[in-house]
């Protein structure tokens, strides 16, 4: 009887030992695979540029744009960051934004912060609203801040194969991009390229395509910081203008600064978002 018990103990120990060795072997194999991926860069190219955005505001931020020049001044830097991260000429992004959003004053842009007329499409899981376009009551994507509309525009163009040929063009070839967007089916208007080119040349938007891309591309990561943690109020500053500049809602600004009214004084120090785009 003792021999039988001893035999079972030996078998049990051997089984546990084999199982432990297998678990260690599996862990080692997984570690080796991950190391090989990191060495080969199969998970992410060392030349890939990463541009992420600050956390999207929890509440919808309404934008009031009074003129094309104000639109350009407000979103030129955003368009350049998208160019650096995704290769789309900033002039094209700005011209499309101006045209599709009605200079930021169109009904769709005002109620959705959608500046590029991007429809919901299959698989969209974000917020949305309905708007009459080619058909009545079409579904359009909705964003809490226009900056996220610019990012979605970049993703939209870079993830659909029909636009792939555009990225073989030089980033300064805005005419080629304008014609290519129409050819790829971005818009049904036969005069879409001419309208984009007109806006680019009227407002000299092509100057934003001459950003020094070479130095940025040599880095693995592009870093652009949302300005400092505090802001000194200057003449003309309002809570609304600061909310646009720092990607915050007016309510958030009032809350973190314990403000009881929207009145600001020149020289006043205001706490603002210190998030980073990296």
C-alpha atoms as a PDB file:
ATOM      1  CA  UNK A   1       0.000   0.000   0.000  1.00  0.00           C
ATOM      2  CA  UNK A   2       2.844   2.382   0.875  1.00  0.00           C
ATOM      3  CA  UNK A   3       4.457   1.637  -2.501  1.00  0.00           C
ATOM      4  CA  UNK A   4       1.241   2.584  -4.318  1.00  0.00           C
ATOM      5  CA  UNK A   5       0.979   5.903  -2.431  1.00  0.00           C
ATOM      6  CA  UNK A   6       4.659   6.637  -3.152  1.00  0.00           C
ATOM      7  CA  UNK A   7       4.101   5.916  -6.862  1.00  0.00           C
ATOM      8  CA  UNK A   8       1.208   8.411  -7.036  1.00  0.00           C
ATOM      9  CA  UNK A   9       3.313  11.058  -5.291  1.00  0.00           C
ATOM     10  CA  UNK A  10       6.131  10.615  -7.815  1.00  0.00           C
ATOM     11  CA  UNK A  11       3.696  10.881 -10.757  1.00  0.00           C
ATOM     12  CA  UNK A  12       2.095  14.028  -9.241  1.00  0.00           C
ATOM     13  CA  UNK A  13       5.449  15.735  -8.705  1.00  0.00           C
ATOM     14  CA  UNK A  14       6.547  14.894 -12.248  1.00  0.00           C
ATOM     15  CA  UNK A  15       3.309  16.303 -13.716  1.00  0.00           C
ATOM     16  CA  UNK A  16       3.604  19.541 -11.720  1.00  0.00           C
ATOM     17  CA  UNK A  17       7.232  19.891 -12.768  1.00  0.00           C
ATOM     18  CA  UNK A  18       6.330  19.439 -16.452  1.00  0.00           C
ATOM     19  CA  UNK A  19       3.491  21.967 -16.168  1.00  0.00           C
ATOM     20  CA  UNK A  20       5.790  24.495 -14.506  1.00  0.00           C
ATOM     21  CA  UNK A  21       8.437  24.056 -17.194  1.00  0.00           C
ATOM     22  CA  UNK A  22       5.799  24.493 -19.914  1.00  0.00           C
ATOM     23  CA  UNK A  23       4.486  27.693 -18.316  1.00  0.00           C
ATOM     24  CA  UNK A  24       8.014  29.079 -18.057  1.00  0.00           C
ATOM     25  CA  UNK A  25       8.711  28.009 -21.633  1.00  0.00           C
ATOM     26  CA  UNK A  26       5.543  29.785 -22.846  1.00  0.00           C
ATOM     27  CA  UNK A  27       6.506  32.956 -20.975  1.00  0.00           C
ATOM     28  CA  UNK A  28      10.001  32.845 -22.421  1.00  0.00           C
ATOM     29  CA  UNK A  29       8.662  32.297 -25.934  1.00  0.00           C
ATOM     30  CA  UNK A  30       6.256  35.244 -25.561  1.00  0.00           C
ATOM     31  CA  UNK A  31       9.084  37.458 -24.287  1.00  0.00           C
ATOM     32  CA  UNK A  32      11.291  36.457 -27.213  1.00  0.00           C
ATOM     33  CA  UNK A  33       8.512  37.243 -29.710  1.00  0.00           C
ATOM     34  CA  UNK A  34       8.001  40.680 -28.187  1.00  0.00           C
ATOM     35  CA  UNK A  35      11.749  41.340 -28.253  1.00  0.00           C
ATOM     36  CA  UNK A  36      11.944  40.329 -31.895  1.00  0.00           C
ATOM     37  CA  UNK A  37       9.027  42.602 -32.748  1.00  0.00           C
ATOM     38  CA  UNK A  38      10.715  45.501 -31.009  1.00  0.00           C
ATOM     39  CA  UNK A  39      13.977  44.828 -32.841  1.00  0.00           C
ATOM     40  CA  UNK A  40      12.398  44.415 -36.240  1.00  0.00           C
ATOM     41  CA  UNK A  41       9.926  47.257 -35.734  1.00  0.00           C
ATOM     42  CA  UNK A  42       7.074  45.071 -36.981  1.00  0.00           C
ATOM     43  CA  UNK A  43       4.659  46.603 -34.496  1.00  0.00           C
ATOM     44  CA  UNK A  44       5.561  50.211 -35.294  1.00  0.00           C
ATOM     45  CA  UNK A  45       8.073  51.676 -37.673  1.00  0.00           C
ATOM     46  CA  UNK A  46      10.856  53.698 -36.048  1.00  0.00           C
ATOM     47  CA  UNK A  47      10.127  56.404 -38.609  1.00  0.00           C
ATOM     48  CA  UNK A  48       6.429  56.586 -37.773  1.00  0.00           C
ATOM     49  CA  UNK A  49       5.411  59.964 -36.402  1.00  0.00           C
ATOM     50  CA  UNK A  50       2.952  60.010 -33.560  1.00  0.00           C
ATOM     51  CA  UNK A  51       0.690  62.972 -32.937  1.00  0.00           C
ATOM     52  CA  UNK A  52      -1.910  62.442 -30.230  1.00  0.00           C
ATOM     53  CA  UNK A  53      -4.422  64.953 -28.988  1.00  0.00           C
ATOM     54  CA  UNK A  54      -5.353  66.209 -25.536  1.00  0.00           C
ATOM     55  CA  UNK A  55      -8.356  64.446 -24.047  1.00  0.00           C
ATOM     56  CA  UNK A  56     -11.529  65.490 -25.812  1.00  0.00           C
ATOM     57  CA  UNK A  57     -13.625  67.910 -23.727  1.00  0.00           C
ATOM     58  CA  UNK A  58     -16.515  66.247 -21.935  1.00  0.00           C
ATOM     59  CA  UNK A  59     -18.930  68.913 -23.144  1.00  0.00           C
ATOM     60  CA  UNK A  60     -19.675  70.313 -26.587  1.00  0.00           C
ATOM     61  CA  UNK A  61     -17.783  73.580 -27.158  1.00  0.00           C
ATOM     62  CA  UNK A  62     -19.606  75.908 -29.539  1.00  0.00           C
ATOM     63  CA  UNK A  63     -17.330  77.880 -31.865  1.00  0.00           C
ATOM     64  CA  UNK A  64     -18.255  81.279 -33.237  1.00  0.00           C
ATOM     65  CA  UNK A  65     -16.089  82.159 -36.218  1.00  0.00           C
ATOM     66  CA  UNK A  66     -16.707  85.595 -37.690  1.00  0.00           C
ATOM     67  CA  UNK A  67     -14.593  85.540 -40.861  1.00  0.00           C
ATOM     68  CA  UNK A  68     -12.386  83.369 -43.094  1.00  0.00           C
ATOM     69  CA  UNK A  69      -9.293  85.088 -41.689  1.00  0.00           C
ATOM     70  CA  UNK A  70     -10.357  84.254 -38.139  1.00  0.00           C
ATOM     71  CA  UNK A  71     -10.949  80.654 -39.211  1.00  0.00           C
ATOM     72  CA  UNK A  72      -7.444  80.435 -40.664  1.00  0.00           C
ATOM     73  CA  UNK A  73      -5.879  82.073 -37.611  1.00  0.00           C
ATOM     74  CA  UNK A  74      -7.738  79.684 -35.311  1.00  0.00           C
ATOM     75  CA  UNK A  75      -6.959  76.407 -37.102  1.00  0.00           C
ATOM     76  CA  UNK A  76      -3.702  76.983 -39.037  1.00  0.00           C
ATOM     77  CA  UNK A  77      -1.540  75.399 -36.340  1.00  0.00           C
ATOM     78  CA  UNK A  78      -3.862  72.414 -36.052  1.00  0.00           C
ATOM     79  CA  UNK A  79      -3.703  71.898 -39.833  1.00  0.00           C
ATOM     80  CA  UNK A  80       0.101  72.006 -39.717  1.00  0.00           C
ATOM     81  CA  UNK A  81       0.254  69.425 -36.930  1.00  0.00           C
ATOM     82  CA  UNK A  82      -1.982  67.155 -39.002  1.00  0.00           C
ATOM     83  CA  UNK A  83       0.340  67.675 -41.994  1.00  0.00           C
ATOM     84  CA  UNK A  84       3.354  66.672 -39.908  1.00  0.00           C
ATOM     85  CA  UNK A  85       1.628  63.606 -38.536  1.00  0.00           C
ATOM     86  CA  UNK A  86      -0.278  62.386 -41.587  1.00  0.00           C
ATOM     87  CA  UNK A  87       1.234  64.044 -44.670  1.00  0.00           C
ATOM     88  CA  UNK A  88      -1.832  65.987 -45.815  1.00  0.00           C
ATOM     89  CA  UNK A  89      -0.939  69.516 -46.960  1.00  0.00           C
ATOM     90  CA  UNK A  90      -2.055  72.089 -44.411  1.00  0.00           C
ATOM     91  CA  UNK A  91      -3.350  74.264 -47.258  1.00  0.00           C
ATOM     92  CA  UNK A  92      -5.665  71.485 -48.412  1.00  0.00           C
ATOM     93  CA  UNK A  93      -6.932  70.829 -44.889  1.00  0.00           C
ATOM     94  CA  UNK A  94      -7.632  74.521 -44.292  1.00  0.00           C
ATOM     95  CA  UNK A  95      -9.268  75.015 -47.703  1.00  0.00           C
ATOM     96  CA  UNK A  96     -11.494  71.974 -47.213  1.00  0.00           C
ATOM     97  CA  UNK A  97     -12.387  73.162 -43.732  1.00  0.00           C
ATOM     98  CA  UNK A  98     -13.308  76.626 -45.011  1.00  0.00           C
ATOM     99  CA  UNK A  99     -15.357  75.226 -47.875  1.00  0.00           C
ATOM    100  CA  UNK A 100     -17.098  72.355 -46.110  1.00  0.00           C
ATOM    101  CA  UNK A 101     -17.909  74.331 -42.946  1.00  0.00           C
ATOM    102  CA  UNK A 102     -18.969  77.556 -44.648  1.00  0.00           C
ATOM    103  CA  UNK A 103     -16.036  79.389 -43.043  1.00  0.00           C
ATOM    104  CA  UNK A 104     -16.974  77.781 -39.736  1.00  0.00           C
ATOM    105  CA  UNK A 105     -20.439  79.350 -39.797  1.00  0.00           C
ATOM    106  CA  UNK A 106     -22.413  76.654 -41.609  1.00  0.00           C
ATOM    107  CA  UNK A 107     -25.333  74.995 -39.862  1.00  0.00           C
ATOM    108  CA  UNK A 108     -23.653  71.577 -39.753  1.00  0.00           C
ATOM    109  CA  UNK A 109     -20.390  72.972 -38.387  1.00  0.00           C
ATOM    110  CA  UNK A 110     -22.177  75.024 -35.744  1.00  0.00           C
ATOM    111  CA  UNK A 111     -24.176  72.126 -34.336  1.00  0.00           C
ATOM    112  CA  UNK A 112     -21.623  69.310 -34.713  1.00  0.00           C
ATOM    113  CA  UNK A 113     -18.114  70.894 -34.932  1.00  0.00           C
ATOM    114  CA  UNK A 114     -17.823  68.763 -38.075  1.00  0.00           C
ATOM    115  CA  UNK A 115     -15.774  70.954 -40.421  1.00  0.00           C
ATOM    116  CA  UNK A 116     -15.296  68.433 -43.235  1.00  0.00           C
ATOM    117  CA  UNK A 117     -18.765  67.077 -43.860  1.00  0.00           C
ATOM    118  CA  UNK A 118     -17.774  63.561 -42.814  1.00  0.00           C
ATOM    119  CA  UNK A 119     -20.821  61.325 -42.581  1.00  0.00           C
ATOM    120  CA  UNK A 120     -21.293  58.601 -39.992  1.00  0.00           C
ATOM    121  CA  UNK A 121     -20.470  55.667 -42.281  1.00  0.00           C
ATOM    122  CA  UNK A 122     -20.487  52.068 -41.104  1.00  0.00           C
ATOM    123  CA  UNK A 123     -18.598  51.463 -37.877  1.00  0.00           C
ATOM    124  CA  UNK A 124     -18.801  55.007 -36.478  1.00  0.00           C
ATOM    125  CA  UNK A 125     -19.372  54.726 -32.710  1.00  0.00           C
ATOM    126  CA  UNK A 126     -19.070  58.396 -31.740  1.00  0.00           C
ATOM    127  CA  UNK A 127     -21.727  61.055 -31.313  1.00  0.00           C
ATOM    128  CA  UNK A 128     -23.756  62.144 -34.346  1.00  0.00           C
ATOM    129  CA  UNK A 129     -26.486  64.429 -35.599  1.00  0.00           C
ATOM    130  CA  UNK A 130     -28.747  64.596 -38.640  1.00  0.00           C
ATOM    131  CA  UNK A 131     -28.507  67.154 -41.424  1.00  0.00           C
ATOM    132  CA  UNK A 132     -29.947  67.565 -44.903  1.00  0.00           C
ATOM    133  CA  UNK A 133     -27.231  67.128 -47.538  1.00  0.00           C
ATOM    134  CA  UNK A 134     -27.407  65.047 -50.724  1.00  0.00           C
ATOM    135  CA  UNK A 135     -30.399  63.404 -49.075  1.00  0.00           C
ATOM    136  CA  UNK A 136     -32.720  64.531 -46.308  1.00  0.00           C
ATOM    137  CA  UNK A 137     -31.758  63.751 -42.731  1.00  0.00           C
ATOM    138  CA  UNK A 138     -28.311  62.224 -43.327  1.00  0.00           C
ATOM    139  CA  UNK A 139     -26.172  61.135 -40.387  1.00  0.00           C
ATOM    140  CA  UNK A 140     -23.029  63.205 -39.713  1.00  0.00           C
ATOM    141  CA  UNK A 141     -20.308  62.753 -37.132  1.00  0.00           C
ATOM    142  CA  UNK A 142     -20.328  65.101 -34.149  1.00  0.00           C
ATOM    143  CA  UNK A 143     -17.344  66.263 -32.082  1.00  0.00           C
ATOM    144  CA  UNK A 144     -17.059  68.197 -28.830  1.00  0.00           C
ATOM    145  CA  UNK A 145     -14.201  70.262 -30.287  1.00  0.00           C
ATOM    146  CA  UNK A 146     -13.366  71.054 -33.944  1.00  0.00           C
ATOM    147  CA  UNK A 147      -9.791  69.848 -33.372  1.00  0.00           C
ATOM    148  CA  UNK A 148     -11.139  66.294 -33.312  1.00  0.00           C
ATOM    149  CA  UNK A 149     -12.837  66.930 -36.637  1.00  0.00           C
ATOM    150  CA  UNK A 150      -9.419  67.801 -38.091  1.00  0.00           C
ATOM    151  CA  UNK A 151      -7.950  64.585 -36.699  1.00  0.00           C
ATOM    152  CA  UNK A 152     -10.829  62.495 -38.037  1.00  0.00           C
ATOM    153  CA  UNK A 153     -10.317  64.114 -41.453  1.00  0.00           C
ATOM    154  CA  UNK A 154      -6.672  62.968 -41.408  1.00  0.00           C
ATOM    155  CA  UNK A 155      -7.629  59.449 -40.377  1.00  0.00           C
ATOM    156  CA  UNK A 156     -10.399  59.375 -42.990  1.00  0.00           C
ATOM    157  CA  UNK A 157      -7.986  60.169 -45.833  1.00  0.00           C
ATOM    158  CA  UNK A 158      -5.143  57.940 -44.657  1.00  0.00           C
ATOM    159  CA  UNK A 159      -7.212  54.806 -43.993  1.00  0.00           C
ATOM    160  CA  UNK A 160      -9.191  54.603 -47.230  1.00  0.00           C
ATOM    161  CA  UNK A 161      -7.432  53.028 -50.168  1.00  0.00           C
ATOM    162  CA  UNK A 162      -9.034  55.267 -52.764  1.00  0.00           C
ATOM    163  CA  UNK A 163      -7.026  58.223 -51.433  1.00  0.00           C
ATOM    164  CA  UNK A 164      -3.702  56.340 -51.258  1.00  0.00           C
ATOM    165  CA  UNK A 165      -2.365  57.740 -54.548  1.00  0.00           C
ATOM    166  CA  UNK A 166      -2.541  61.280 -53.147  1.00  0.00           C
ATOM    167  CA  UNK A 167       0.303  60.569 -50.751  1.00  0.00           C
ATOM    168  CA  UNK A 168       2.717  60.037 -53.629  1.00  0.00           C
ATOM    169  CA  UNK A 169       2.294  63.736 -54.467  1.00  0.00           C
ATOM    170  CA  UNK A 170       4.535  66.390 -52.991  1.00  0.00           C
ATOM    171  CA  UNK A 171       3.050  68.100 -49.951  1.00  0.00           C
ATOM    172  CA  UNK A 172       3.478  71.410 -51.797  1.00  0.00           C
ATOM    173  CA  UNK A 173       1.413  70.226 -54.785  1.00  0.00           C
ATOM    174  CA  UNK A 174      -1.898  71.624 -53.574  1.00  0.00           C
ATOM    175  CA  UNK A 175      -3.320  71.682 -57.102  1.00  0.00           C
ATOM    176  CA  UNK A 176      -2.633  67.981 -57.533  1.00  0.00           C
ATOM    177  CA  UNK A 177      -4.224  67.261 -54.166  1.00  0.00           C
ATOM    178  CA  UNK A 178      -7.288  69.355 -54.979  1.00  0.00           C
ATOM    179  CA  UNK A 179      -7.856  67.527 -58.265  1.00  0.00           C
ATOM    180  CA  UNK A 180      -7.074  64.164 -56.688  1.00  0.00           C
ATOM    181  CA  UNK A 181      -9.671  64.577 -53.948  1.00  0.00           C
ATOM    182  CA  UNK A 182     -12.367  65.132 -56.562  1.00  0.00           C
ATOM    183  CA  UNK A 183     -11.097  62.177 -58.600  1.00  0.00           C
ATOM    184  CA  UNK A 184     -11.177  59.919 -55.525  1.00  0.00           C
ATOM    185  CA  UNK A 185     -14.785  60.899 -54.838  1.00  0.00           C
ATOM    186  CA  UNK A 186     -14.475  63.126 -51.780  1.00  0.00           C
ATOM    187  CA  UNK A 187     -17.056  65.487 -53.294  1.00  0.00           C
ATOM    188  CA  UNK A 188     -19.587  65.274 -56.103  1.00  0.00           C
ATOM    189  CA  UNK A 189     -19.201  68.927 -57.124  1.00  0.00           C
ATOM    190  CA  UNK A 190     -17.290  68.979 -60.471  1.00  0.00           C
ATOM    191  CA  UNK A 191     -15.848  72.388 -59.518  1.00  0.00           C
ATOM    192  CA  UNK A 192     -14.560  71.171 -56.145  1.00  0.00           C
ATOM    193  CA  UNK A 193     -10.850  71.367 -57.162  1.00  0.00           C
ATOM    194  CA  UNK A 194     -11.220  74.912 -58.518  1.00  0.00           C
ATOM    195  CA  UNK A 195     -12.938  76.023 -55.310  1.00  0.00           C
ATOM    196  CA  UNK A 196     -10.149  74.622 -53.141  1.00  0.00           C
ATOM    197  CA  UNK A 197      -7.440  76.157 -55.314  1.00  0.00           C
ATOM    198  CA  UNK A 198      -9.239  79.513 -55.263  1.00  0.00           C
ATOM    199  CA  UNK A 199      -9.348  79.536 -51.453  1.00  0.00           C
ATOM    200  CA  UNK A 200      -5.708  78.461 -51.157  1.00  0.00           C
ATOM    201  CA  UNK A 201      -4.501  81.203 -53.474  1.00  0.00           C
ATOM    202  CA  UNK A 202      -6.863  83.909 -52.185  1.00  0.00           C
ATOM    203  CA  UNK A 203      -5.740  83.457 -48.573  1.00  0.00           C
ATOM    204  CA  UNK A 204      -2.156  82.299 -49.352  1.00  0.00           C
ATOM    205  CA  UNK A 205      -2.784  79.034 -47.524  1.00  0.00           C
ATOM    206  CA  UNK A 206       0.131  77.381 -49.346  1.00  0.00           C
ATOM    207  CA  UNK A 207       2.503  79.251 -47.009  1.00  0.00           C
ATOM    208  CA  UNK A 208       1.475  76.794 -44.271  1.00  0.00           C
ATOM    209  CA  UNK A 209       2.839  73.930 -46.382  1.00  0.00           C
ATOM    210  CA  UNK A 210       6.395  75.236 -46.083  1.00  0.00           C
ATOM    211  CA  UNK A 211       6.679  74.329 -42.414  1.00  0.00           C
ATOM    212  CA  UNK A 212      10.103  72.789 -41.720  1.00  0.00           C
ATOM    213  CA  UNK A 213       9.034  69.169 -42.025  1.00  0.00           C
ATOM    214  CA  UNK A 214      12.538  67.683 -42.505  1.00  0.00           C
ATOM    215  CA  UNK A 215      13.678  68.135 -38.916  1.00  0.00           C
ATOM    216  CA  UNK A 216      10.366  66.907 -37.538  1.00  0.00           C
ATOM    217  CA  UNK A 217      10.311  63.802 -39.710  1.00  0.00           C
ATOM    218  CA  UNK A 218      13.783  62.812 -38.475  1.00  0.00           C
ATOM    219  CA  UNK A 219      12.339  62.470 -34.982  1.00  0.00           C
ATOM    220  CA  UNK A 220      10.257  59.453 -34.051  1.00  0.00           C
ATOM    221  CA  UNK A 221       7.796  61.641 -32.209  1.00  0.00           C
ATOM    222  CA  UNK A 222       6.449  65.112 -32.848  1.00  0.00           C
ATOM    223  CA  UNK A 223       5.735  67.000 -29.652  1.00  0.00           C
ATOM    224  CA  UNK A 224       3.702  70.161 -29.492  1.00  0.00           C
ATOM    225  CA  UNK A 225       2.550  71.432 -26.148  1.00  0.00           C
ATOM    226  CA  UNK A 226      -0.655  73.207 -25.380  1.00  0.00           C
ATOM    227  CA  UNK A 227       0.636  76.477 -23.872  1.00  0.00           C
ATOM    228  CA  UNK A 228       1.697  76.944 -20.242  1.00  0.00           C
ATOM    229  CA  UNK A 229      -0.283  75.881 -17.202  1.00  0.00           C
ATOM    230  CA  UNK A 230      -1.357  79.429 -16.424  1.00  0.00           C
ATOM    231  CA  UNK A 231      -2.358  82.238 -18.752  1.00  0.00           C
ATOM    232  CA  UNK A 232      -1.927  85.946 -18.060  1.00  0.00           C
ATOM    233  CA  UNK A 233      -5.009  87.786 -19.266  1.00  0.00           C
ATOM    234  CA  UNK A 234      -4.330  90.308 -22.002  1.00  0.00           C
ATOM    235  CA  UNK A 235      -6.523  92.927 -23.636  1.00  0.00           C
ATOM    236  CA  UNK A 236      -9.255  91.243 -25.664  1.00  0.00           C
ATOM    237  CA  UNK A 237      -9.095  87.922 -23.789  1.00  0.00           C
ATOM    238  CA  UNK A 238     -12.407  86.342 -22.808  1.00  0.00           C
ATOM    239  CA  UNK A 239     -13.237  83.007 -21.233  1.00  0.00           C
ATOM    240  CA  UNK A 240     -14.587  81.919 -24.595  1.00  0.00           C
ATOM    241  CA  UNK A 241     -11.368  82.821 -26.457  1.00  0.00           C
ATOM    242  CA  UNK A 242      -9.320  81.046 -23.780  1.00  0.00           C
ATOM    243  CA  UNK A 243     -11.538  77.968 -24.046  1.00  0.00           C
ATOM    244  CA  UNK A 244     -10.738  77.752 -27.759  1.00  0.00           C
ATOM    245  CA  UNK A 245      -7.022  78.328 -27.218  1.00  0.00           C
ATOM    246  CA  UNK A 246      -6.596  75.728 -24.488  1.00  0.00           C
ATOM    247  CA  UNK A 247      -9.179  73.162 -25.621  1.00  0.00           C
ATOM    248  CA  UNK A 248     -11.336  73.600 -22.539  1.00  0.00           C
ATOM    249  CA  UNK A 249     -14.945  74.519 -21.969  1.00  0.00           C
ATOM    250  CA  UNK A 250     -15.910  77.807 -20.351  1.00  0.00           C
ATOM    251  CA  UNK A 251     -17.445  75.838 -17.473  1.00  0.00           C
ATOM    252  CA  UNK A 252     -14.129  74.028 -16.860  1.00  0.00           C
ATOM    253  CA  UNK A 253     -12.214  77.315 -16.821  1.00  0.00           C
ATOM    254  CA  UNK A 254     -14.642  78.827 -14.348  1.00  0.00           C
ATOM    255  CA  UNK A 255     -14.575  75.734 -12.148  1.00  0.00           C
ATOM    256  CA  UNK A 256     -10.794  75.305 -11.833  1.00  0.00           C
ATOM    257  CA  UNK A 257     -10.345  79.055 -11.269  1.00  0.00           C
ATOM    258  CA  UNK A 258     -13.260  79.389  -8.849  1.00  0.00           C
ATOM    259  CA  UNK A 259     -14.764  82.154 -10.965  1.00  0.00           C
ATOM    260  CA  UNK A 260     -18.247  83.401 -10.150  1.00  0.00           C
ATOM    261  CA  UNK A 261     -18.545  85.513 -13.297  1.00  0.00           C
ATOM    262  CA  UNK A 262     -17.031  85.611 -16.765  1.00  0.00           C
ATOM    263  CA  UNK A 263     -15.374  88.990 -16.157  1.00  0.00           C
ATOM    264  CA  UNK A 264     -11.580  88.998 -16.550  1.00  0.00           C
ATOM    265  CA  UNK A 265      -9.002  91.631 -15.631  1.00  0.00           C
ATOM    266  CA  UNK A 266      -5.839  92.414 -17.584  1.00  0.00           C
ATOM    267  CA  UNK A 267      -2.903  90.781 -15.796  1.00  0.00           C
ATOM    268  CA  UNK A 268      -5.094  88.190 -14.074  1.00  0.00           C
ATOM    269  CA  UNK A 269      -3.546  84.703 -13.900  1.00  0.00           C
ATOM    270  CA  UNK A 270      -5.860  81.956 -15.145  1.00  0.00           C
ATOM    271  CA  UNK A 271      -5.243  78.234 -14.674  1.00  0.00           C
ATOM    272  CA  UNK A 272      -5.487  76.404 -17.999  1.00  0.00           C
ATOM    273  CA  UNK A 273      -5.055  72.954 -19.489  1.00  0.00           C
ATOM    274  CA  UNK A 274      -1.468  71.699 -19.427  1.00  0.00           C
ATOM    275  CA  UNK A 275      -2.116  68.599 -21.578  1.00  0.00           C
ATOM    276  CA  UNK A 276       0.342  67.721 -24.330  1.00  0.00           C
ATOM    277  CA  UNK A 277       0.059  66.707 -27.935  1.00  0.00           C
ATOM    278  CA  UNK A 278       2.752  64.060 -28.217  1.00  0.00           C
END
